[in-house]
Amino acid sequence: MSNHIRDDFARQALACELLGSPFNARVCRLLGERLNDTSSFGARVLGWQGHPQNDALPLRAAGGFHALKRQGDDVLIAAYPPNEVDDEALWRALEKAIARHDAFLTRFLDSAPQTNEVSRSSAILGGMLHVAARTGLPLGVYEIGASAGLNLGFDAYGYELGNARWGDAASAVQIVSEWQGTLPPLHAELRVASRKGSDLNPLDASDAALCERLLSYIWPDQTARLARIEAALAATARAGTVIEKADAADWVERAFAGKGESGKARVLMHTIMWQYLPDATQARIEAAMAKAGEGATKDAPLAWLSVEQDEKDKVSASVRLRMWPEGTDEELGRADFHGRWVRWG
Protein backbone atom coordinates (compact mmCIF):
# COMPACT_ATOMS: atom_id res chain seq x y z
CA MET A 1 0.00 0.00 0.00
CA SER A 2 1.39 3.42 -0.88
CA ASN A 3 2.41 5.38 2.18
CA HIS A 4 -0.16 8.16 1.85
CA ILE A 5 -3.04 5.67 1.65
CA ARG A 6 -1.60 3.69 4.57
CA ASP A 7 -1.39 6.93 6.54
CA ASP A 8 -5.02 7.81 5.77
CA PHE A 9 -6.24 4.45 7.09
CA ALA A 10 -4.16 4.98 10.23
CA ARG A 11 -5.56 8.51 10.67
CA GLN A 12 -9.10 7.24 10.25
CA ALA A 13 -8.46 4.50 12.79
CA LEU A 14 -7.38 7.13 15.30
CA ALA A 15 -10.45 9.25 14.51
CA CYS A 16 -12.71 6.24 15.08
CA GLU A 17 -11.06 5.67 18.46
CA LEU A 18 -11.59 9.30 19.45
CA LEU A 19 -15.23 9.15 18.30
CA GLY A 20 -16.00 6.07 20.36
CA SER A 21 -15.70 3.20 17.88
CA PRO A 22 -12.75 0.96 18.77
CA PHE A 23 -14.09 -1.78 16.49
CA ASN A 24 -14.21 0.37 13.34
CA ALA A 25 -10.77 1.64 14.32
CA ARG A 26 -9.52 -1.97 14.20
CA VAL A 27 -11.10 -2.57 10.78
CA CYS A 28 -9.45 0.56 9.35
CA ARG A 29 -6.10 -0.25 10.94
CA LEU A 30 -6.08 -3.85 9.72
CA LEU A 31 -7.04 -2.85 6.18
CA GLY A 32 -4.32 -0.22 6.17
CA GLU A 33 -1.69 -2.63 7.41
CA ARG A 34 -2.59 -5.84 5.59
CA LEU A 35 -4.63 -5.22 2.43
CA ASN A 36 -2.85 -6.23 -0.79
CA ASP A 37 -3.60 -5.88 -4.50
CA THR A 38 -4.43 -9.53 -5.28
CA SER A 39 -8.17 -8.72 -5.35
CA SER A 40 -10.03 -6.13 -7.41
CA PHE A 41 -11.07 -4.47 -4.15
CA GLY A 42 -7.53 -4.31 -2.85
CA ALA A 43 -6.12 -3.10 -6.16
CA ARG A 44 -8.67 -0.30 -6.36
CA VAL A 45 -8.01 0.83 -2.80
CA LEU A 46 -4.22 0.73 -3.23
CA GLY A 47 -4.36 2.55 -6.55
CA TRP A 48 -7.05 5.02 -5.50
CA GLN A 49 -7.49 7.79 -8.04
CA GLY A 50 -8.19 10.89 -6.01
CA HIS A 51 -7.48 12.15 -2.51
CA PRO A 52 -8.10 9.28 -0.07
CA GLN A 53 -8.72 11.55 2.92
CA ASN A 54 -11.10 13.95 1.16
CA ASP A 55 -12.83 10.97 -0.49
CA ALA A 56 -13.19 9.22 2.91
CA LEU A 57 -11.67 6.09 1.35
CA PRO A 58 -11.20 4.19 4.65
CA LEU A 59 -14.86 4.71 5.55
CA ARG A 60 -15.98 3.62 2.08
CA ALA A 61 -13.97 0.43 2.51
CA ALA A 62 -15.13 -0.29 6.06
CA GLY A 63 -18.73 0.44 5.10
CA GLY A 64 -18.67 -2.30 2.49
CA PHE A 65 -17.85 -4.95 5.07
CA HIS A 66 -20.54 -3.66 7.45
CA ALA A 67 -23.04 -3.80 4.57
CA LEU A 68 -22.18 -7.45 3.99
CA LYS A 69 -22.52 -8.21 7.69
CA ARG A 70 -25.95 -6.55 7.77
CA GLN A 71 -26.94 -8.61 4.72
CA GLY A 72 -26.21 -11.80 6.64
CA ASP A 73 -22.65 -12.85 5.78
CA ASP A 74 -22.07 -15.55 8.39
CA VAL A 75 -18.29 -15.12 8.61
CA LEU A 76 -18.57 -11.39 9.28
CA ILE A 77 -21.48 -11.85 11.69
CA ALA A 78 -19.26 -14.13 13.78
CA ALA A 79 -16.45 -11.54 13.84
CA TYR A 80 -18.52 -8.36 14.34
CA PRO A 81 -20.07 -6.94 17.53
CA PRO A 82 -21.55 -8.05 19.80
CA ASN A 83 -19.10 -10.93 19.29
CA GLU A 84 -15.52 -10.33 20.39
CA VAL A 85 -12.57 -11.70 18.42
CA ASP A 86 -8.87 -10.88 18.27
CA ASP A 87 -7.19 -9.10 15.37
CA GLU A 88 -6.12 -12.33 13.67
CA ALA A 89 -9.67 -13.71 13.63
CA LEU A 90 -11.06 -10.38 12.46
CA TRP A 91 -8.54 -10.17 9.63
CA ARG A 92 -9.35 -13.73 8.53
CA ALA A 93 -13.02 -12.75 8.35
CA LEU A 94 -12.20 -9.66 6.28
CA GLU A 95 -10.01 -11.74 3.95
CA LYS A 96 -12.77 -14.31 3.45
CA ALA A 97 -15.26 -11.53 2.73
CA ILE A 98 -12.95 -10.10 0.07
CA ALA A 99 -12.57 -13.52 -1.54
CA ARG A 100 -16.32 -14.21 -1.52
CA HIS A 101 -17.60 -10.71 -2.36
CA ASP A 102 -14.80 -9.01 -4.28
CA ALA A 103 -17.05 -7.43 -6.92
CA PHE A 104 -19.53 -6.13 -4.33
CA LEU A 105 -16.82 -4.54 -2.19
CA THR A 106 -15.20 -2.98 -5.25
CA ARG A 107 -18.49 -1.41 -6.37
CA PHE A 108 -19.20 -0.23 -2.84
CA LEU A 109 -16.23 2.12 -3.12
CA ASP A 110 -18.06 4.14 -5.81
CA SER A 111 -20.00 6.39 -3.42
CA ALA A 112 -18.83 8.58 -0.57
CA PRO A 113 -20.20 7.83 2.91
CA GLN A 114 -23.41 9.58 3.87
CA THR A 115 -24.14 9.05 7.54
CA ASN A 116 -26.38 12.12 7.91
CA GLU A 117 -25.48 12.13 11.61
CA VAL A 118 -28.73 13.14 13.30
CA SER A 119 -27.12 13.94 16.67
CA ARG A 120 -25.58 17.01 15.06
CA SER A 121 -29.10 18.38 15.34
CA SER A 122 -28.28 19.42 18.92
CA ALA A 123 -25.88 22.06 17.57
CA ILE A 124 -28.34 22.94 14.78
CA LEU A 125 -31.10 23.43 17.35
CA GLY A 126 -28.89 25.76 19.37
CA GLY A 127 -28.17 27.92 16.32
CA MET A 128 -31.78 27.97 15.14
CA LEU A 129 -32.97 29.05 18.59
CA HIS A 130 -30.61 32.02 18.38
CA VAL A 131 -31.98 32.96 14.95
CA ALA A 132 -35.56 32.64 16.21
CA ALA A 133 -34.84 34.71 19.33
CA ARG A 134 -33.07 37.47 17.43
CA THR A 135 -35.55 37.79 14.58
CA GLY A 136 -38.84 36.84 16.23
CA LEU A 137 -39.86 35.34 12.88
CA PRO A 138 -40.69 31.90 11.50
CA LEU A 139 -37.82 30.26 9.65
CA GLY A 140 -37.40 29.09 6.08
CA VAL A 141 -34.66 26.46 6.38
CA TYR A 142 -32.43 25.43 3.46
CA GLU A 143 -29.83 22.67 3.80
CA ILE A 144 -27.01 21.74 1.43
CA GLY A 145 -25.40 18.32 1.71
CA ALA A 146 -28.71 17.17 3.18
CA SER A 147 -28.36 13.48 2.24
CA ALA A 148 -31.71 11.99 3.35
CA GLY A 149 -32.81 15.16 5.15
CA LEU A 150 -32.68 13.82 8.70
CA ASN A 151 -31.36 17.05 10.17
CA LEU A 152 -33.99 19.10 8.36
CA GLY A 153 -36.48 17.60 10.81
CA PHE A 154 -34.51 18.81 13.83
CA ASP A 155 -37.50 20.55 15.42
CA ALA A 156 -39.51 17.31 15.65
CA TYR A 157 -37.00 15.51 17.89
CA GLY A 158 -36.58 15.39 21.65
CA TYR A 159 -33.39 16.76 23.21
CA GLU A 160 -31.51 16.34 26.44
CA LEU A 161 -28.94 19.11 26.58
CA GLY A 162 -27.11 18.46 29.81
CA ASN A 163 -29.75 19.04 32.50
CA ALA A 164 -32.13 20.85 30.14
CA ARG A 165 -34.76 19.38 27.85
CA TRP A 166 -36.34 20.70 24.65
CA GLY A 167 -38.78 19.32 22.12
CA ASP A 168 -40.97 16.25 21.89
CA ALA A 169 -40.32 13.87 24.78
CA ALA A 170 -42.44 11.25 22.98
CA SER A 171 -40.46 11.38 19.73
CA ALA A 172 -38.79 8.14 18.67
CA VAL A 173 -35.69 10.26 18.03
CA GLN A 174 -34.13 11.37 21.31
CA ILE A 175 -30.82 13.23 21.12
CA VAL A 176 -28.67 13.34 24.22
CA SER A 177 -25.72 15.75 24.22
CA GLU A 178 -23.36 16.59 27.02
CA TRP A 179 -23.87 20.35 27.07
CA GLN A 180 -21.10 22.57 28.40
CA GLY A 181 -21.32 26.32 28.96
CA THR A 182 -24.36 28.53 28.53
CA LEU A 183 -27.59 27.25 27.02
CA PRO A 184 -29.18 28.66 23.87
CA PRO A 185 -32.49 30.54 24.33
CA LEU A 186 -34.60 27.43 24.89
CA HIS A 187 -37.78 29.44 25.45
CA ALA A 188 -37.60 31.23 22.09
CA GLU A 189 -40.57 30.52 19.84
CA LEU A 190 -39.11 28.29 17.14
CA ARG A 191 -41.36 27.93 14.10
CA VAL A 192 -40.16 26.31 10.88
CA ALA A 193 -42.41 27.64 8.12
CA SER A 194 -40.67 25.78 5.30
CA ARG A 195 -37.76 23.42 4.78
CA LYS A 196 -35.87 22.44 1.65
CA GLY A 197 -32.71 20.47 1.02
CA SER A 198 -30.29 19.52 -1.72
CA ASP A 199 -27.53 16.99 -2.22
CA LEU A 200 -25.43 15.75 -5.13
CA ASN A 201 -26.54 12.24 -4.21
CA PRO A 202 -29.80 12.56 -2.24
CA LEU A 203 -31.17 9.58 -0.39
CA ASP A 204 -34.88 8.79 -0.25
CA ALA A 205 -35.70 7.84 3.34
CA SER A 206 -38.59 5.71 2.08
CA ASP A 207 -36.27 3.58 -0.12
CA ALA A 208 -35.24 0.55 1.92
CA ALA A 209 -32.14 -0.20 -0.19
CA LEU A 210 -30.82 3.35 0.06
CA CYS A 211 -31.48 3.43 3.80
CA GLU A 212 -29.60 0.17 4.21
CA ARG A 213 -26.60 1.67 2.44
CA LEU A 214 -26.69 4.69 4.74
CA LEU A 215 -26.87 2.46 7.81
CA SER A 216 -23.84 0.50 6.62
CA TYR A 217 -21.72 3.61 7.23
CA ILE A 218 -22.75 3.71 10.90
CA TRP A 219 -19.95 2.14 12.88
CA PRO A 220 -20.87 -1.42 13.91
CA ASP A 221 -20.21 -1.08 17.65
CA GLN A 222 -22.29 2.11 18.03
CA THR A 223 -25.66 0.45 18.51
CA ALA A 224 -27.41 3.43 20.13
CA ARG A 225 -26.34 5.66 17.25
CA LEU A 226 -27.58 3.09 14.76
CA ALA A 227 -30.99 2.86 16.45
CA ARG A 228 -31.29 6.65 16.58
CA ILE A 229 -30.59 7.03 12.86
CA GLU A 230 -32.99 4.21 12.01
CA ALA A 231 -35.70 6.06 13.97
CA ALA A 232 -34.84 9.34 12.22
CA LEU A 233 -35.05 7.66 8.80
CA ALA A 234 -38.51 6.35 9.65
CA ALA A 235 -39.62 9.80 10.86
CA THR A 236 -38.26 11.46 7.72
CA ALA A 237 -40.04 8.94 5.50
CA ARG A 238 -43.33 9.62 7.30
CA ALA A 239 -42.81 13.37 6.88
CA GLY A 240 -42.36 12.94 3.13
CA THR A 241 -39.18 15.01 3.04
CA VAL A 242 -37.85 15.29 -0.52
CA ILE A 243 -34.24 16.31 -1.16
CA GLU A 244 -33.44 17.87 -4.53
CA LYS A 245 -30.53 16.48 -6.54
CA ALA A 246 -28.36 19.51 -7.29
CA ASP A 247 -24.90 21.02 -7.13
CA ALA A 248 -24.62 22.99 -3.89
CA ALA A 249 -23.57 26.27 -5.53
CA ASP A 250 -26.22 26.07 -8.25
CA TRP A 251 -28.89 25.40 -5.65
CA VAL A 252 -27.83 28.17 -3.26
CA GLU A 253 -27.67 30.67 -6.11
CA ARG A 254 -31.25 29.78 -7.09
CA ALA A 255 -32.65 29.49 -3.57
CA PHE A 256 -31.27 32.82 -2.38
CA ALA A 257 -31.71 34.86 -5.54
CA GLY A 258 -33.75 38.00 -5.04
CA LYS A 259 -35.15 39.36 -1.81
CA GLY A 260 -36.56 37.13 0.87
CA GLU A 261 -40.21 36.86 1.80
CA SER A 262 -41.41 39.50 4.25
CA GLY A 263 -42.11 38.01 7.67
CA LYS A 264 -39.75 35.05 7.33
CA ALA A 265 -36.08 34.53 8.18
CA ARG A 266 -34.21 32.49 5.57
CA VAL A 267 -31.54 30.20 7.00
CA LEU A 268 -28.89 28.27 5.07
CA MET A 269 -27.47 25.38 7.08
CA HIS A 270 -24.95 22.59 6.56
CA THR A 271 -23.01 20.15 8.72
CA ILE A 272 -19.66 18.46 8.04
CA MET A 273 -19.78 18.80 4.26
CA TRP A 274 -17.98 22.06 3.43
CA GLN A 275 -14.57 20.35 3.33
CA TYR A 276 -15.74 18.12 0.47
CA LEU A 277 -16.69 21.04 -1.79
CA PRO A 278 -14.25 22.29 -4.46
CA ASP A 279 -12.78 25.72 -3.78
CA ALA A 280 -14.72 27.18 -6.71
CA THR A 281 -18.01 25.86 -5.32
CA GLN A 282 -17.26 27.31 -1.89
CA ALA A 283 -16.46 30.68 -3.46
CA ARG A 284 -19.74 30.73 -5.40
CA ILE A 285 -21.75 29.97 -2.26
CA GLU A 286 -19.91 32.67 -0.31
CA ALA A 287 -20.64 35.17 -3.10
CA ALA A 288 -24.30 34.16 -3.36
CA MET A 289 -24.84 34.57 0.38
CA ALA A 290 -23.01 37.90 0.47
CA LYS A 291 -25.25 39.16 -2.34
CA ALA A 292 -28.37 37.86 -0.60
CA GLY A 293 -27.18 39.52 2.60
CA GLU A 294 -27.04 42.89 0.86
CA GLY A 295 -30.77 42.64 0.22
CA ALA A 296 -31.70 41.39 3.69
CA THR A 297 -33.91 43.55 5.90
CA LYS A 298 -35.15 43.36 9.47
CA ASP A 299 -38.46 42.00 8.16
CA ALA A 300 -36.78 39.55 5.77
CA PRO A 301 -33.48 38.64 7.43
CA LEU A 302 -30.90 36.10 6.36
CA ALA A 303 -28.84 33.67 8.42
CA TRP A 304 -26.12 31.15 7.63
CA LEU A 305 -25.61 28.40 10.21
CA SER A 306 -22.76 25.94 9.76
CA VAL A 307 -21.33 23.09 11.82
CA GLU A 308 -17.99 22.44 10.16
CA GLN A 309 -14.41 21.44 10.83
CA ASP A 310 -11.90 24.28 10.91
CA GLU A 311 -8.23 24.82 11.67
CA LYS A 312 -8.76 25.76 15.31
CA ASP A 313 -9.44 22.29 16.66
CA LYS A 314 -9.14 19.01 14.77
CA VAL A 315 -11.39 17.05 17.14
CA SER A 316 -14.48 19.27 17.02
CA ALA A 317 -16.54 21.40 14.66
CA SER A 318 -17.16 25.13 14.78
CA VAL A 319 -20.80 26.17 15.19
CA ARG A 320 -20.81 29.42 13.24
CA LEU A 321 -23.69 31.84 12.70
CA ARG A 322 -23.68 34.72 10.22
CA MET A 323 -26.66 37.07 10.07
CA TRP A 324 -27.86 39.90 7.86
CA PRO A 325 -28.73 42.77 7.70
CA GLU A 326 -26.60 43.09 10.86
CA GLY A 327 -23.56 41.58 9.13
CA THR A 328 -22.55 39.67 12.26
CA ASP A 329 -20.31 36.60 12.17
CA GLU A 330 -19.76 34.66 15.38
CA GLU A 331 -18.77 31.28 16.69
CA LEU A 332 -21.61 30.14 18.93
CA GLY A 333 -19.66 27.16 20.19
CA ARG A 334 -17.90 23.91 19.35
CA ALA A 335 -19.47 20.50 18.81
CA ASP A 336 -18.34 16.91 18.68
CA PHE A 337 -18.50 15.61 15.10
CA HIS A 338 -21.17 13.09 16.12
CA GLY A 339 -23.03 15.42 18.47
CA ARG A 340 -22.02 13.64 21.67
CA TRP A 341 -21.14 16.96 23.30
CA VAL A 342 -21.51 20.67 22.64
CA ARG A 343 -19.46 23.47 24.20
CA TRP A 344 -21.48 26.70 23.96
CA GLY A 345 -20.58 30.32 24.39
Foldseek 3Di string as FASTA:
>chain_A
DDPQLLVLLQVVLVLCVVVPFNPLSLVSNCCSVPQDCPFVLSVCSVVPDDRCNLLVQSLLLQLLLLLVVVVPDPLSVCPFPPHDDDSVSNVVSVVVCCVVPVVSSNVSSPHGADQQQQLCLVLVVLVLLQVCVVQVFEAAEEEESCAQVLSVPSQQEWEAAQPDIAHDPPQQAYHYADEADDGRPRPRDYHHPHYAYAYQHHDHLVDPVSVSSNLSSPRRVPVVSSSNVNSSSVVSNVVVHDYHNDQPLVVLLVVLPDAADFRYEYEYEYEACVSSDDPVSVVSNVVSVVVSQVRADSRYKYKYWYFYDDDPDRQWTFTWMAIPPVRDIDGQWIAGSSNRYIYGD
